[in-house]
Amino acid sequence: MKLFNNKIWMMLFAGLIVLASCEDLEDVREDPKRPGSANPDYLFSYAEIELADYLATSSVNTNVGRLLAQYWSQTTYTTESRYGLEDRELADALWENHYRDVLNNLNSAKGLLPEFETNEAVLNNKLAMVTILEVYSYQMLIDTFGDVPFTEALAGAEGRSPAYDDAQTVYGSLIEMLNSAIAQMDPAADGFAGADLIYDGDVASWLKFANALKIKLAMRVADVPSFNSQTLVEEAYANAILTNADNATLEYVGGSYPNPVYEDIVISGRSDYVLSNTIVDQMNMLEDPRRSYYMTTNDDGEYVGLTYGLESGIGGDLGPYAQLPALVLDETYQSVLLDAAEVNFFLAEAAERGWNVGGNTETYYNNAITASIAYWGTASEADPATITAETAAYLAMPEVALATAEGGNVMNAIALQKWIALYNQGMEGWIEWKRLDYPQLNAPVKLSQEDIPVRLRYPVQERSVNNANREAAASRIGGDDIATQVFWDVQ
């Protein structure tokens, strides 16, 4: 994406402040279908920011993905690393972020756009972009919880207790929505222009994002017989996100609008995280060149992770451990929605299944690793020649080369490298780990592998305001428990 200057952000947020006054925003939340004076471009921008902020934040009250995937370890309070999630309201934060802050604003923008946009081609492009983010948001809700409200969601005051829809059925609807969005986009016409903080309104880039998201949905359900995932992937692969230049990211400008990790850790002055031994040990075994990008060395110049899931914190001495690097803590560091590394890993898996995706398993596997190293190396301002050399050396290692990695188990090799590449995309790393069941994560102290969550419980608030529908959904999926698998998690 393009780096937007402070002036654009200031203009945007000046508009959002007007929209987000307590009374006005409450009106939008209460009845998003009611036309008002809100500008749909601002609503779209606001939804983008809220989605990106959720994906980026490291707050344990909001997003524990980096802990669930065991990329980070907690140094002070270890409840989340020990999966003490049963009565926490972090699920409420995810739920509210997606339904209230992302989907409600997208729905409002969709309702207002026909009044504001007279050019049919531009209108179609904008509506398609709204749909793409709707699909992205609903997919994350389903991948996290299972059955969720869909057909009765976003109904305003009359829909305070929506029924939960069957997750598998909703997935089918999301794929249909994506197909419609892809069909209606015209790269020759404009989109949201500067109000689009992901691609600056570039429709061709949104088409690639839509196709990449279609691949992502298709691969999630690749083991569910009722979905024709092969056809979906074969339709989408040729015009998807395949290089870092096409990554779907939102880059923060700093100052008054910093990356949430900067707010959570740097501004707060807290030191709640270091790198987990789960990922550090794995990367040490592979002599992974991304170590210098993902983490710092400890006081002895070594990469050492903190044991994941300790019963209590370690106090303030973090010197013995690898810590978060300056890049991840930078106030301008971007939030990633979907990148080339992940899409290439999906295509490597598709090729291994024998699908026609224009390349073989090894090519996409190597492309994925190359994209990951290049992304992190470039962001860390490493020398391009160094990035190229270390990538070639890494791919040549028997422990990494597809033919010999993981004892020749191709799917395990893909899963391991994908898990490493998704570092700092915690929720996606956790979701893909539970789908691919590899690598083996570490059980927290005095817990077992069976205790590692594969789902979050429904929000605490739902037990109060929508309990009958919550209980019906819980009964259908096998219980509102962190051990209950979502419908596509069949392995």
Protein backbone atom coordinates (compact mmCIF):
# COMPACT_ATOMS: atom_id res chain seq x y z
CA MET A 1 0.00 0.00 0.00
CA LYS A 2 0.99 3.62 -0.26
CA LEU A 3 2.21 5.57 2.76
CA PHE A 4 -0.36 8.25 3.49
CA ASN A 5 0.85 11.55 4.82
CA ASN A 6 -0.30 13.21 8.02
CA LYS A 7 -2.46 15.70 6.15
CA ILE A 8 -4.64 12.94 4.71
CA TRP A 9 -4.97 11.25 8.09
CA MET A 10 -5.81 14.55 9.78
CA MET A 11 -8.49 15.30 7.20
CA LEU A 12 -9.87 11.80 7.54
CA PHE A 13 -10.00 11.86 11.30
CA ALA A 14 -11.52 15.33 11.31
CA GLY A 15 -14.42 13.75 9.45
CA LEU A 16 -14.45 10.69 11.69
CA ILE A 17 -14.56 12.78 14.84
CA VAL A 18 -17.80 14.28 13.56
CA LEU A 19 -19.15 10.82 12.76
CA ALA A 20 -18.00 9.30 16.01
CA SER A 21 -19.58 11.72 18.47
CA CYS A 22 -21.38 9.69 21.08
CA GLU A 23 -24.86 10.51 19.80
CA ASP A 24 -24.13 10.16 16.10
CA LEU A 25 -22.15 6.94 16.39
CA GLU A 26 -24.80 5.49 18.64
CA ASP A 27 -27.36 6.30 15.96
CA VAL A 28 -25.27 4.44 13.41
CA ARG A 29 -24.97 1.45 15.74
CA GLU A 30 -28.64 1.47 16.64
CA ASP A 31 -29.96 1.68 13.10
CA PRO A 32 -27.24 1.43 10.48
CA LYS A 33 -29.84 1.30 7.71
CA ARG A 34 -31.13 4.79 8.50
CA PRO A 35 -29.77 7.27 5.94
CA GLY A 36 -28.08 10.28 7.52
CA SER A 37 -25.46 12.90 6.89
CA ALA A 38 -22.55 10.47 7.25
CA ASN A 39 -20.15 10.30 4.33
CA PRO A 40 -19.77 6.67 3.17
CA ASP A 41 -16.12 7.26 2.27
CA TYR A 42 -15.36 8.14 5.89
CA LEU A 43 -17.31 5.13 7.12
CA PHE A 44 -15.27 2.90 4.83
CA SER A 45 -12.02 4.43 6.10
CA TYR A 46 -13.14 4.00 9.70
CA ALA A 47 -13.92 0.33 9.09
CA GLU A 48 -10.49 -0.20 7.52
CA ILE A 49 -8.77 1.40 10.50
CA GLU A 50 -10.76 -0.57 13.07
CA LEU A 51 -10.05 -3.85 11.28
CA ALA A 52 -6.34 -3.06 10.92
CA ASP A 53 -6.10 -1.94 14.55
CA TYR A 54 -7.60 -5.21 15.77
CA LEU A 55 -5.19 -7.28 13.70
CA ALA A 56 -2.21 -5.25 14.92
CA THR A 57 -2.92 -4.70 18.60
CA SER A 58 -1.03 -6.63 21.27
CA SER A 59 -3.47 -5.85 24.08
CA VAL A 60 -4.40 -8.99 26.01
CA ASN A 61 -7.82 -7.47 26.48
CA THR A 62 -8.39 -7.48 22.73
CA ASN A 63 -6.15 -9.79 20.68
CA VAL A 64 -4.18 -12.72 22.10
CA GLY A 65 -3.30 -14.24 18.73
CA ARG A 66 0.46 -13.89 19.21
CA LEU A 67 0.10 -15.81 22.47
CA LEU A 68 -2.23 -18.50 21.12
CA ALA A 69 0.23 -19.13 18.25
CA GLN A 70 3.11 -19.06 20.77
CA TYR A 71 5.11 -16.35 19.04
CA TRP A 72 5.41 -14.32 22.25
CA SER A 73 5.63 -15.22 25.94
CA GLN A 74 4.26 -13.13 28.79
CA THR A 75 6.71 -11.78 31.34
CA THR A 76 4.44 -10.40 34.05
CA TYR A 77 0.90 -11.75 33.97
CA THR A 78 0.73 -15.21 32.40
CA THR A 79 -3.00 -15.92 32.48
CA GLU A 80 -3.49 -15.73 28.71
CA SER A 81 -0.42 -17.87 27.99
CA ARG A 82 -1.94 -20.47 30.27
CA TYR A 83 -5.26 -20.22 28.44
CA GLY A 84 -7.20 -18.71 31.31
CA LEU A 85 -9.71 -17.43 28.79
CA GLU A 86 -12.95 -18.92 30.05
CA ASP A 87 -14.39 -15.80 31.63
CA ARG A 88 -12.25 -13.12 30.01
CA GLU A 89 -13.94 -10.45 27.92
CA LEU A 90 -11.34 -10.45 25.15
CA ALA A 91 -13.84 -12.36 23.02
CA ASP A 92 -16.22 -9.45 23.59
CA ALA A 93 -13.58 -7.08 22.21
CA LEU A 94 -13.15 -9.15 19.04
CA TRP A 95 -16.92 -9.49 18.62
CA GLU A 96 -17.56 -5.78 19.13
CA ASN A 97 -14.69 -4.76 16.88
CA HIS A 98 -16.02 -6.77 13.98
CA TYR A 99 -19.76 -6.30 14.39
CA ARG A 100 -19.91 -2.75 15.75
CA ASP A 101 -16.79 -1.06 14.39
CA VAL A 102 -16.16 -2.88 11.11
CA LEU A 103 -19.32 -4.53 9.80
CA ASN A 104 -21.79 -1.90 11.02
CA ASN A 105 -19.81 0.89 9.39
CA LEU A 106 -19.40 -1.09 6.18
CA ASN A 107 -23.12 -1.79 6.17
CA SER A 108 -23.87 1.90 6.69
CA ALA A 109 -21.46 2.86 3.91
CA LYS A 110 -23.13 0.36 1.60
CA GLY A 111 -26.54 1.87 2.29
CA LEU A 112 -25.37 5.43 1.73
CA LEU A 113 -23.17 4.94 -1.34
CA PRO A 114 -25.98 5.03 -3.95
CA GLU A 115 -26.95 8.50 -2.69
CA PHE A 116 -23.39 9.84 -2.87
CA GLU A 117 -21.99 8.17 -6.01
CA THR A 118 -23.61 8.82 -9.38
CA ASN A 119 -21.05 7.06 -11.59
CA GLU A 120 -22.23 3.47 -11.91
CA ALA A 121 -18.79 1.94 -12.46
CA VAL A 122 -17.30 3.78 -9.49
CA LEU A 123 -20.30 2.83 -7.35
CA ASN A 124 -19.88 -0.83 -8.27
CA ASN A 125 -16.18 -0.68 -7.39
CA LYS A 126 -16.87 0.90 -4.03
CA LEU A 127 -19.61 -1.57 -3.20
CA ALA A 128 -17.29 -4.43 -4.15
CA MET A 129 -14.56 -3.10 -1.84
CA VAL A 130 -17.07 -2.90 0.99
CA THR A 131 -18.07 -6.51 0.30
CA ILE A 132 -14.46 -7.71 0.36
CA LEU A 133 -13.92 -6.31 3.85
CA GLU A 134 -17.27 -7.72 4.98
CA VAL A 135 -16.15 -11.17 3.86
CA TYR A 136 -12.79 -10.74 5.59
CA SER A 137 -14.46 -9.77 8.86
CA TYR A 138 -17.09 -12.51 8.86
CA GLN A 139 -14.48 -15.11 8.02
CA MET A 140 -12.43 -14.15 11.07
CA LEU A 141 -15.50 -14.35 13.29
CA ILE A 142 -16.34 -17.84 12.02
CA ASP A 143 -12.75 -19.07 12.19
CA THR A 144 -12.61 -17.93 15.81
CA PHE A 145 -16.05 -18.88 17.15
CA GLY A 146 -17.85 -21.19 14.69
CA ASP A 147 -21.54 -20.34 14.25
CA VAL A 148 -22.14 -16.57 14.45
CA PRO A 149 -24.97 -14.13 13.60
CA PHE A 150 -25.10 -13.38 9.87
CA THR A 151 -28.57 -13.13 8.33
CA GLU A 152 -29.99 -11.27 11.37
CA ALA A 153 -26.81 -9.35 12.19
CA LEU A 154 -26.63 -5.56 11.75
CA ALA A 155 -30.39 -5.15 12.06
CA GLY A 156 -30.19 -2.21 14.46
CA ALA A 157 -32.47 -1.82 17.45
CA GLU A 158 -34.89 -4.47 16.22
CA GLY A 159 -32.14 -7.05 16.02
CA ARG A 160 -30.56 -7.00 19.46
CA SER A 161 -30.88 -10.78 19.81
CA PRO A 162 -29.92 -12.19 16.42
CA ALA A 163 -29.97 -15.88 15.69
CA TYR A 164 -26.65 -17.56 15.02
CA ASP A 165 -26.20 -18.97 11.52
CA ASP A 166 -24.59 -22.26 10.60
CA ALA A 167 -20.94 -21.45 9.95
CA GLN A 168 -20.59 -23.78 6.98
CA THR A 169 -23.60 -22.21 5.28
CA VAL A 170 -22.25 -18.71 5.91
CA TYR A 171 -18.90 -19.70 4.39
CA GLY A 172 -20.73 -20.61 1.22
CA SER A 173 -22.45 -17.22 1.25
CA LEU A 174 -19.12 -15.45 1.75
CA ILE A 175 -17.67 -17.19 -1.29
CA GLU A 176 -20.70 -16.12 -3.34
CA MET A 177 -20.26 -12.55 -2.10
CA LEU A 178 -16.61 -12.58 -3.15
CA ASN A 179 -17.44 -13.94 -6.59
CA SER A 180 -19.99 -11.16 -7.08
CA ALA A 181 -17.51 -8.52 -5.93
CA ILE A 182 -14.84 -9.82 -8.29
CA ALA A 183 -17.27 -9.85 -11.22
CA GLN A 184 -18.46 -6.28 -10.70
CA MET A 185 -15.09 -4.53 -10.31
CA ASP A 186 -13.77 -2.47 -13.21
CA PRO A 187 -10.06 -1.54 -12.93
CA ALA A 188 -10.57 1.24 -15.47
CA ALA A 189 -12.87 3.10 -13.06
CA ASP A 190 -12.06 4.74 -9.74
CA GLY A 191 -12.64 3.43 -6.24
CA PHE A 192 -12.51 5.17 -2.87
CA ALA A 193 -9.33 7.06 -3.84
CA GLY A 194 -7.64 8.67 -0.81
CA ALA A 195 -10.31 7.42 1.59
CA ASP A 196 -8.98 3.91 0.97
CA LEU A 197 -6.10 3.46 3.42
CA ILE A 198 -5.15 0.02 2.11
CA TYR A 199 -4.72 0.49 -1.65
CA ASP A 200 -5.44 4.20 -2.18
CA GLY A 201 -8.48 3.25 -4.23
CA ASP A 202 -6.55 1.16 -6.77
CA VAL A 203 -9.15 -1.24 -8.13
CA ALA A 204 -6.66 -3.62 -9.76
CA SER A 205 -5.06 -4.16 -6.35
CA TRP A 206 -8.45 -4.78 -4.76
CA LEU A 207 -9.12 -7.43 -7.41
CA LYS A 208 -5.93 -9.20 -6.38
CA PHE A 209 -6.94 -8.89 -2.74
CA ALA A 210 -10.36 -10.37 -3.50
CA ASN A 211 -8.87 -13.31 -5.38
CA ALA A 212 -6.33 -13.90 -2.62
CA LEU A 213 -9.12 -13.85 -0.05
CA LYS A 214 -11.07 -16.31 -2.20
CA ILE A 215 -8.05 -18.63 -2.14
CA LYS A 216 -7.86 -18.24 1.62
CA LEU A 217 -11.50 -19.20 2.13
CA ALA A 218 -11.21 -22.09 -0.30
CA MET A 219 -8.15 -23.52 1.44
CA ARG A 220 -9.76 -23.20 4.86
CA VAL A 221 -12.52 -25.55 3.67
CA ALA A 222 -10.32 -27.72 1.44
CA ASP A 223 -11.11 -30.78 3.58
CA VAL A 224 -14.86 -30.15 3.66
CA PRO A 225 -16.38 -32.22 0.81
CA SER A 226 -19.34 -29.93 0.12
CA PHE A 227 -17.04 -27.14 -1.08
CA ASN A 228 -15.37 -27.35 -4.47
CA SER A 229 -12.17 -25.74 -3.25
CA GLN A 230 -10.15 -26.88 -6.23
CA THR A 231 -12.33 -24.95 -8.68
CA LEU A 232 -12.32 -21.86 -6.47
CA VAL A 233 -8.54 -21.77 -6.20
CA GLU A 234 -8.02 -22.49 -9.89
CA GLU A 235 -10.33 -19.58 -10.72
CA ALA A 236 -8.44 -17.16 -8.49
CA TYR A 237 -4.71 -17.93 -8.47
CA ALA A 238 -3.68 -16.11 -11.66
CA ASN A 239 -4.71 -12.67 -10.38
CA ALA A 240 -4.03 -12.81 -6.67
CA ILE A 241 -1.50 -11.32 -4.25
CA LEU A 242 1.70 -13.08 -5.32
CA THR A 243 4.36 -10.42 -4.62
CA ASN A 244 4.96 -8.10 -1.69
CA ALA A 245 4.12 -5.11 -3.88
CA ASP A 246 0.49 -6.28 -3.78
CA ASN A 247 0.22 -6.99 -0.04
CA ALA A 248 -2.96 -5.80 1.67
CA THR A 249 -1.63 -3.61 4.48
CA LEU A 250 -2.49 -0.44 6.32
CA GLU A 251 0.53 1.65 7.20
CA TYR A 252 0.35 4.00 10.16
CA VAL A 253 1.73 7.53 10.02
CA GLY A 254 2.76 7.77 13.67
CA GLY A 255 2.27 10.80 15.84
CA SER A 256 -1.39 10.95 16.82
CA TYR A 257 -2.13 7.85 14.70
CA PRO A 258 0.46 5.22 15.66
CA ASN A 259 0.55 1.47 15.30
CA PRO A 260 -1.38 -0.09 18.21
CA VAL A 261 1.69 -2.07 19.37
CA TYR A 262 3.52 1.22 19.82
CA GLU A 263 0.62 2.43 21.95
CA ASP A 264 0.35 -0.83 23.89
CA ILE A 265 4.04 -1.19 24.71
CA VAL A 266 6.13 1.91 24.02
CA ILE A 267 3.76 4.67 25.11
CA SER A 268 2.53 2.65 28.08
CA GLY A 269 6.10 1.89 29.14
CA ARG A 270 5.24 -1.76 29.69
CA SER A 271 7.44 -4.80 29.14
CA ASP A 272 4.86 -7.56 29.06
CA TYR A 273 6.31 -9.68 26.25
CA VAL A 274 9.47 -11.31 25.00
CA LEU A 275 9.84 -13.93 22.27
CA SER A 276 8.58 -17.41 23.06
CA ASN A 277 10.93 -20.35 23.22
CA THR A 278 8.52 -22.15 20.87
CA ILE A 279 9.42 -20.01 17.86
CA VAL A 280 12.96 -19.05 18.92
CA ASP A 281 14.05 -22.67 19.37
CA GLN A 282 12.57 -23.60 16.00
CA MET A 283 14.25 -20.71 14.22
CA ASN A 284 17.56 -21.45 15.95
CA MET A 285 17.44 -25.04 14.72
CA LEU A 286 16.97 -23.74 11.18
CA GLU A 287 19.45 -20.87 11.58
CA ASP A 288 16.64 -18.79 10.17
CA PRO A 289 17.81 -15.43 8.75
CA ARG A 290 14.59 -13.79 9.95
CA ARG A 291 15.76 -14.03 13.56
CA SER A 292 17.47 -10.66 13.31
CA TYR A 293 14.24 -9.15 11.95
CA TYR A 294 11.81 -10.83 14.35
CA MET A 295 13.72 -10.27 17.58
CA THR A 296 16.76 -8.86 19.32
CA THR A 297 19.56 -10.94 20.80
CA ASN A 298 19.83 -11.19 24.58
CA ASP A 299 22.56 -9.64 26.72
CA ASP A 300 24.95 -12.41 25.64
CA GLY A 301 24.30 -11.86 21.94
CA GLU A 302 22.19 -15.01 21.61
CA TYR A 303 18.63 -15.73 20.56
CA VAL A 304 16.89 -17.19 23.62
CA GLY A 305 13.14 -17.40 24.08
CA LEU A 306 11.26 -17.43 27.35
CA THR A 307 9.55 -20.70 28.23
CA TYR A 308 5.96 -20.45 27.08
CA GLY A 309 3.17 -20.72 29.65
CA LEU A 310 4.98 -20.23 32.95
CA GLU A 311 2.88 -20.31 36.10
CA SER A 312 4.06 -16.85 37.12
CA GLY A 313 5.97 -13.91 35.67
CA ILE A 314 9.73 -13.47 35.66
CA GLY A 315 9.90 -9.93 37.00
CA GLY A 316 11.65 -7.05 35.29
CA ASP A 317 14.90 -8.65 34.15
CA LEU A 318 14.40 -9.30 30.45
CA GLY A 319 18.09 -9.28 29.55
CA PRO A 320 18.42 -13.06 29.19
CA TYR A 321 15.73 -13.19 26.49
CA ALA A 322 15.13 -12.17 22.89
CA GLN A 323 12.90 -9.10 22.88
CA LEU A 324 10.68 -7.32 20.38
CA PRO A 325 12.72 -5.51 17.71
CA ALA A 326 12.56 -1.82 16.91
CA LEU A 327 10.63 -2.54 13.70
CA VAL A 328 7.68 -4.19 15.45
CA LEU A 329 7.62 -1.40 18.03
CA ASP A 330 7.82 1.39 15.46
CA GLU A 331 4.89 3.80 15.53
CA THR A 332 4.60 3.69 11.72
CA TYR A 333 4.80 -0.08 11.32
CA GLN A 334 1.98 -1.49 9.22
CA SER A 335 -0.87 -3.84 9.93
CA VAL A 336 -1.10 -6.80 7.54
CA LEU A 337 -4.44 -8.12 6.32
CA LEU A 338 -3.12 -10.59 3.73
CA ASP A 339 0.30 -10.94 2.14
CA ALA A 340 2.15 -12.70 -0.66
CA ALA A 341 3.90 -15.17 1.61
CA GLU A 342 0.63 -16.61 2.89
CA VAL A 343 -0.98 -16.76 -0.55
CA ASN A 344 2.03 -18.58 -1.99
CA PHE A 345 1.89 -21.07 0.88
CA PHE A 346 -1.79 -21.67 0.08
CA LEU A 347 -0.87 -22.31 -3.55
CA ALA A 348 1.96 -24.64 -2.53
CA GLU A 349 -0.61 -26.66 -0.62
CA ALA A 350 -3.01 -26.55 -3.57
CA ALA A 351 -0.30 -27.76 -5.94
CA GLU A 352 0.54 -30.58 -3.54
CA ARG A 353 -3.11 -31.62 -3.71
CA GLY A 354 -2.71 -31.91 -7.49
CA TRP A 355 -4.65 -28.81 -8.44
CA ASN A 356 -3.84 -26.78 -11.53
CA VAL A 357 -2.43 -23.53 -10.14
CA GLY A 358 0.21 -22.71 -12.74
CA GLY A 359 3.19 -23.95 -10.75
CA ASN A 360 4.42 -26.83 -8.65
CA THR A 361 4.59 -27.23 -4.89
CA GLU A 362 8.29 -26.44 -4.59
CA THR A 363 8.04 -23.25 -6.65
CA TYR A 364 5.25 -21.80 -4.53
CA TYR A 365 6.91 -22.98 -1.31
CA ASN A 366 10.16 -21.26 -2.26
CA ASN A 367 8.28 -18.16 -3.42
CA ALA A 368 6.49 -17.98 -0.08
CA ILE A 369 9.67 -18.17 1.98
CA THR A 370 11.40 -15.71 -0.35
CA ALA A 371 8.51 -13.25 0.01
CA SER A 372 8.59 -13.55 3.80
CA ILE A 373 12.33 -12.94 4.11
CA ALA A 374 12.18 -10.09 1.59
CA TYR A 375 9.26 -8.46 3.40
CA TRP A 376 10.98 -8.48 6.77
CA GLY A 377 14.43 -7.70 5.40
CA THR A 378 13.21 -4.74 3.38
CA ALA A 379 11.15 -3.38 6.27
CA SER A 380 14.24 -3.68 8.49
CA GLU A 381 16.28 -1.78 5.87
CA ALA A 382 18.65 -4.68 5.30
CA ASP A 383 20.98 -4.62 2.31
CA PRO A 384 19.15 -6.10 -0.73
CA ALA A 385 22.17 -8.20 -1.68
CA THR A 386 22.26 -9.62 1.83
CA ILE A 387 18.56 -10.49 1.68
CA THR A 388 19.05 -12.31 -1.63
CA ALA A 389 22.10 -14.21 -0.40
CA GLU A 390 20.61 -15.28 2.92
CA THR A 391 17.41 -16.41 1.17
CA ALA A 392 19.32 -18.59 -1.29
CA ALA A 393 21.40 -20.13 1.49
CA TYR A 394 18.32 -20.80 3.61
CA LEU A 395 16.38 -22.49 0.80
CA ALA A 396 19.38 -24.72 0.10
CA MET A 397 19.52 -26.07 3.66
CA PRO A 398 18.34 -29.70 3.90
CA GLU A 399 16.17 -28.70 6.87
CA VAL A 400 14.37 -26.16 4.66
CA ALA A 401 14.51 -27.54 1.11
CA LEU A 402 11.11 -29.05 0.36
CA ALA A 403 12.41 -32.45 -0.71
CA THR A 404 14.14 -33.07 2.62
CA ALA A 405 12.53 -30.76 5.20
CA GLU A 406 10.56 -32.37 8.02
CA GLY A 407 11.70 -35.83 6.96
CA GLY A 408 10.20 -35.36 3.52
CA ASN A 409 6.71 -34.64 4.86
CA VAL A 410 5.70 -31.91 2.43
CA MET A 411 2.60 -30.72 4.28
CA ASN A 412 4.50 -30.45 7.56
CA ALA A 413 7.23 -28.46 5.81
CA ILE A 414 4.64 -26.06 4.39
CA ALA A 415 2.87 -25.76 7.75
CA LEU A 416 6.07 -25.07 9.67
CA GLN A 417 7.34 -22.41 7.30
CA LYS A 418 3.90 -20.83 7.14
CA TRP A 419 3.72 -20.62 10.91
CA ILE A 420 7.12 -18.93 10.99
CA ALA A 421 6.13 -16.50 8.23
CA LEU A 422 2.92 -15.50 10.03
CA TYR A 423 4.85 -14.14 12.99
CA ASN A 424 3.24 -10.86 14.07
CA GLN A 425 0.00 -11.93 12.37
CA GLY A 426 -0.99 -13.77 15.51
CA MET A 427 -4.63 -14.60 14.88
CA GLU A 428 -3.92 -15.89 11.39
CA GLY A 429 -0.94 -17.87 12.67
CA TRP A 430 -3.14 -19.52 15.30
CA ILE A 431 -6.00 -20.20 12.86
CA GLU A 432 -3.72 -21.80 10.29
CA TRP A 433 -1.92 -23.79 12.99
CA LYS A 434 -5.18 -25.37 14.11
CA ARG A 435 -6.12 -26.16 10.49
CA LEU A 436 -2.78 -27.73 9.58
CA ASP A 437 -2.03 -29.20 13.03
CA TYR A 438 1.65 -28.37 12.76
CA PRO A 439 4.13 -27.57 14.22
CA GLN A 440 3.53 -29.04 17.65
CA LEU A 441 3.20 -26.20 20.11
CA ASN A 442 4.43 -26.38 23.69
CA ALA A 443 1.96 -27.18 26.43
CA PRO A 444 2.10 -24.58 29.21
CA VAL A 445 3.57 -25.72 32.52
CA LYS A 446 1.31 -28.33 34.17
CA LEU A 447 -1.05 -28.34 31.19
CA SER A 448 -1.27 -30.70 28.20
CA GLN A 449 -1.51 -30.47 24.42
CA GLU A 450 -5.27 -30.97 24.72
CA ASP A 451 -5.51 -27.70 26.65
CA ILE A 452 -4.31 -25.58 23.71
CA PRO A 453 -7.39 -23.68 22.46
CA VAL A 454 -8.75 -24.25 18.98
CA ARG A 455 -11.60 -21.78 19.48
CA LEU A 456 -12.64 -18.86 21.66
CA ARG A 457 -15.80 -18.97 23.74
CA TYR A 458 -18.67 -16.72 22.76
CA PRO A 459 -18.56 -13.25 24.37
CA VAL A 460 -19.54 -12.89 28.01
CA GLN A 461 -22.09 -10.24 27.04
CA GLU A 462 -23.90 -12.68 24.76
CA ARG A 463 -24.75 -14.75 27.82
CA SER A 464 -26.66 -11.76 29.16
CA VAL A 465 -28.30 -10.24 26.09
CA ASN A 466 -28.66 -13.16 23.66
CA ASN A 467 -28.26 -16.31 25.70
CA ALA A 468 -31.00 -18.41 24.09
CA ASN A 469 -29.46 -18.01 20.65
CA ARG A 470 -25.97 -18.47 22.07
CA GLU A 471 -26.99 -21.72 23.75
CA ALA A 472 -28.63 -23.00 20.56
CA ALA A 473 -25.45 -22.30 18.61
CA ALA A 474 -23.28 -23.87 21.30
CA SER A 475 -25.39 -27.02 21.18
CA ARG A 476 -25.05 -27.26 17.39
CA ILE A 477 -21.27 -26.89 17.33
CA GLY A 478 -20.57 -29.26 20.22
CA GLY A 479 -20.35 -26.86 23.13
CA ASP A 480 -19.19 -23.32 23.84
CA ASP A 481 -15.72 -24.48 24.77
CA ILE A 482 -12.15 -23.65 23.73
CA ALA A 483 -11.68 -27.30 22.71
CA THR A 484 -14.61 -27.32 20.26
CA GLN A 485 -13.43 -27.41 16.66
CA VAL A 486 -14.95 -25.14 14.02
CA PHE A 487 -16.58 -26.93 11.12
CA TRP A 488 -13.55 -26.91 8.78
CA ASP A 489 -11.13 -28.17 11.45
CA VAL A 490 -11.60 -31.83 10.60
CA GLN A 491 -8.06 -33.18 11.01
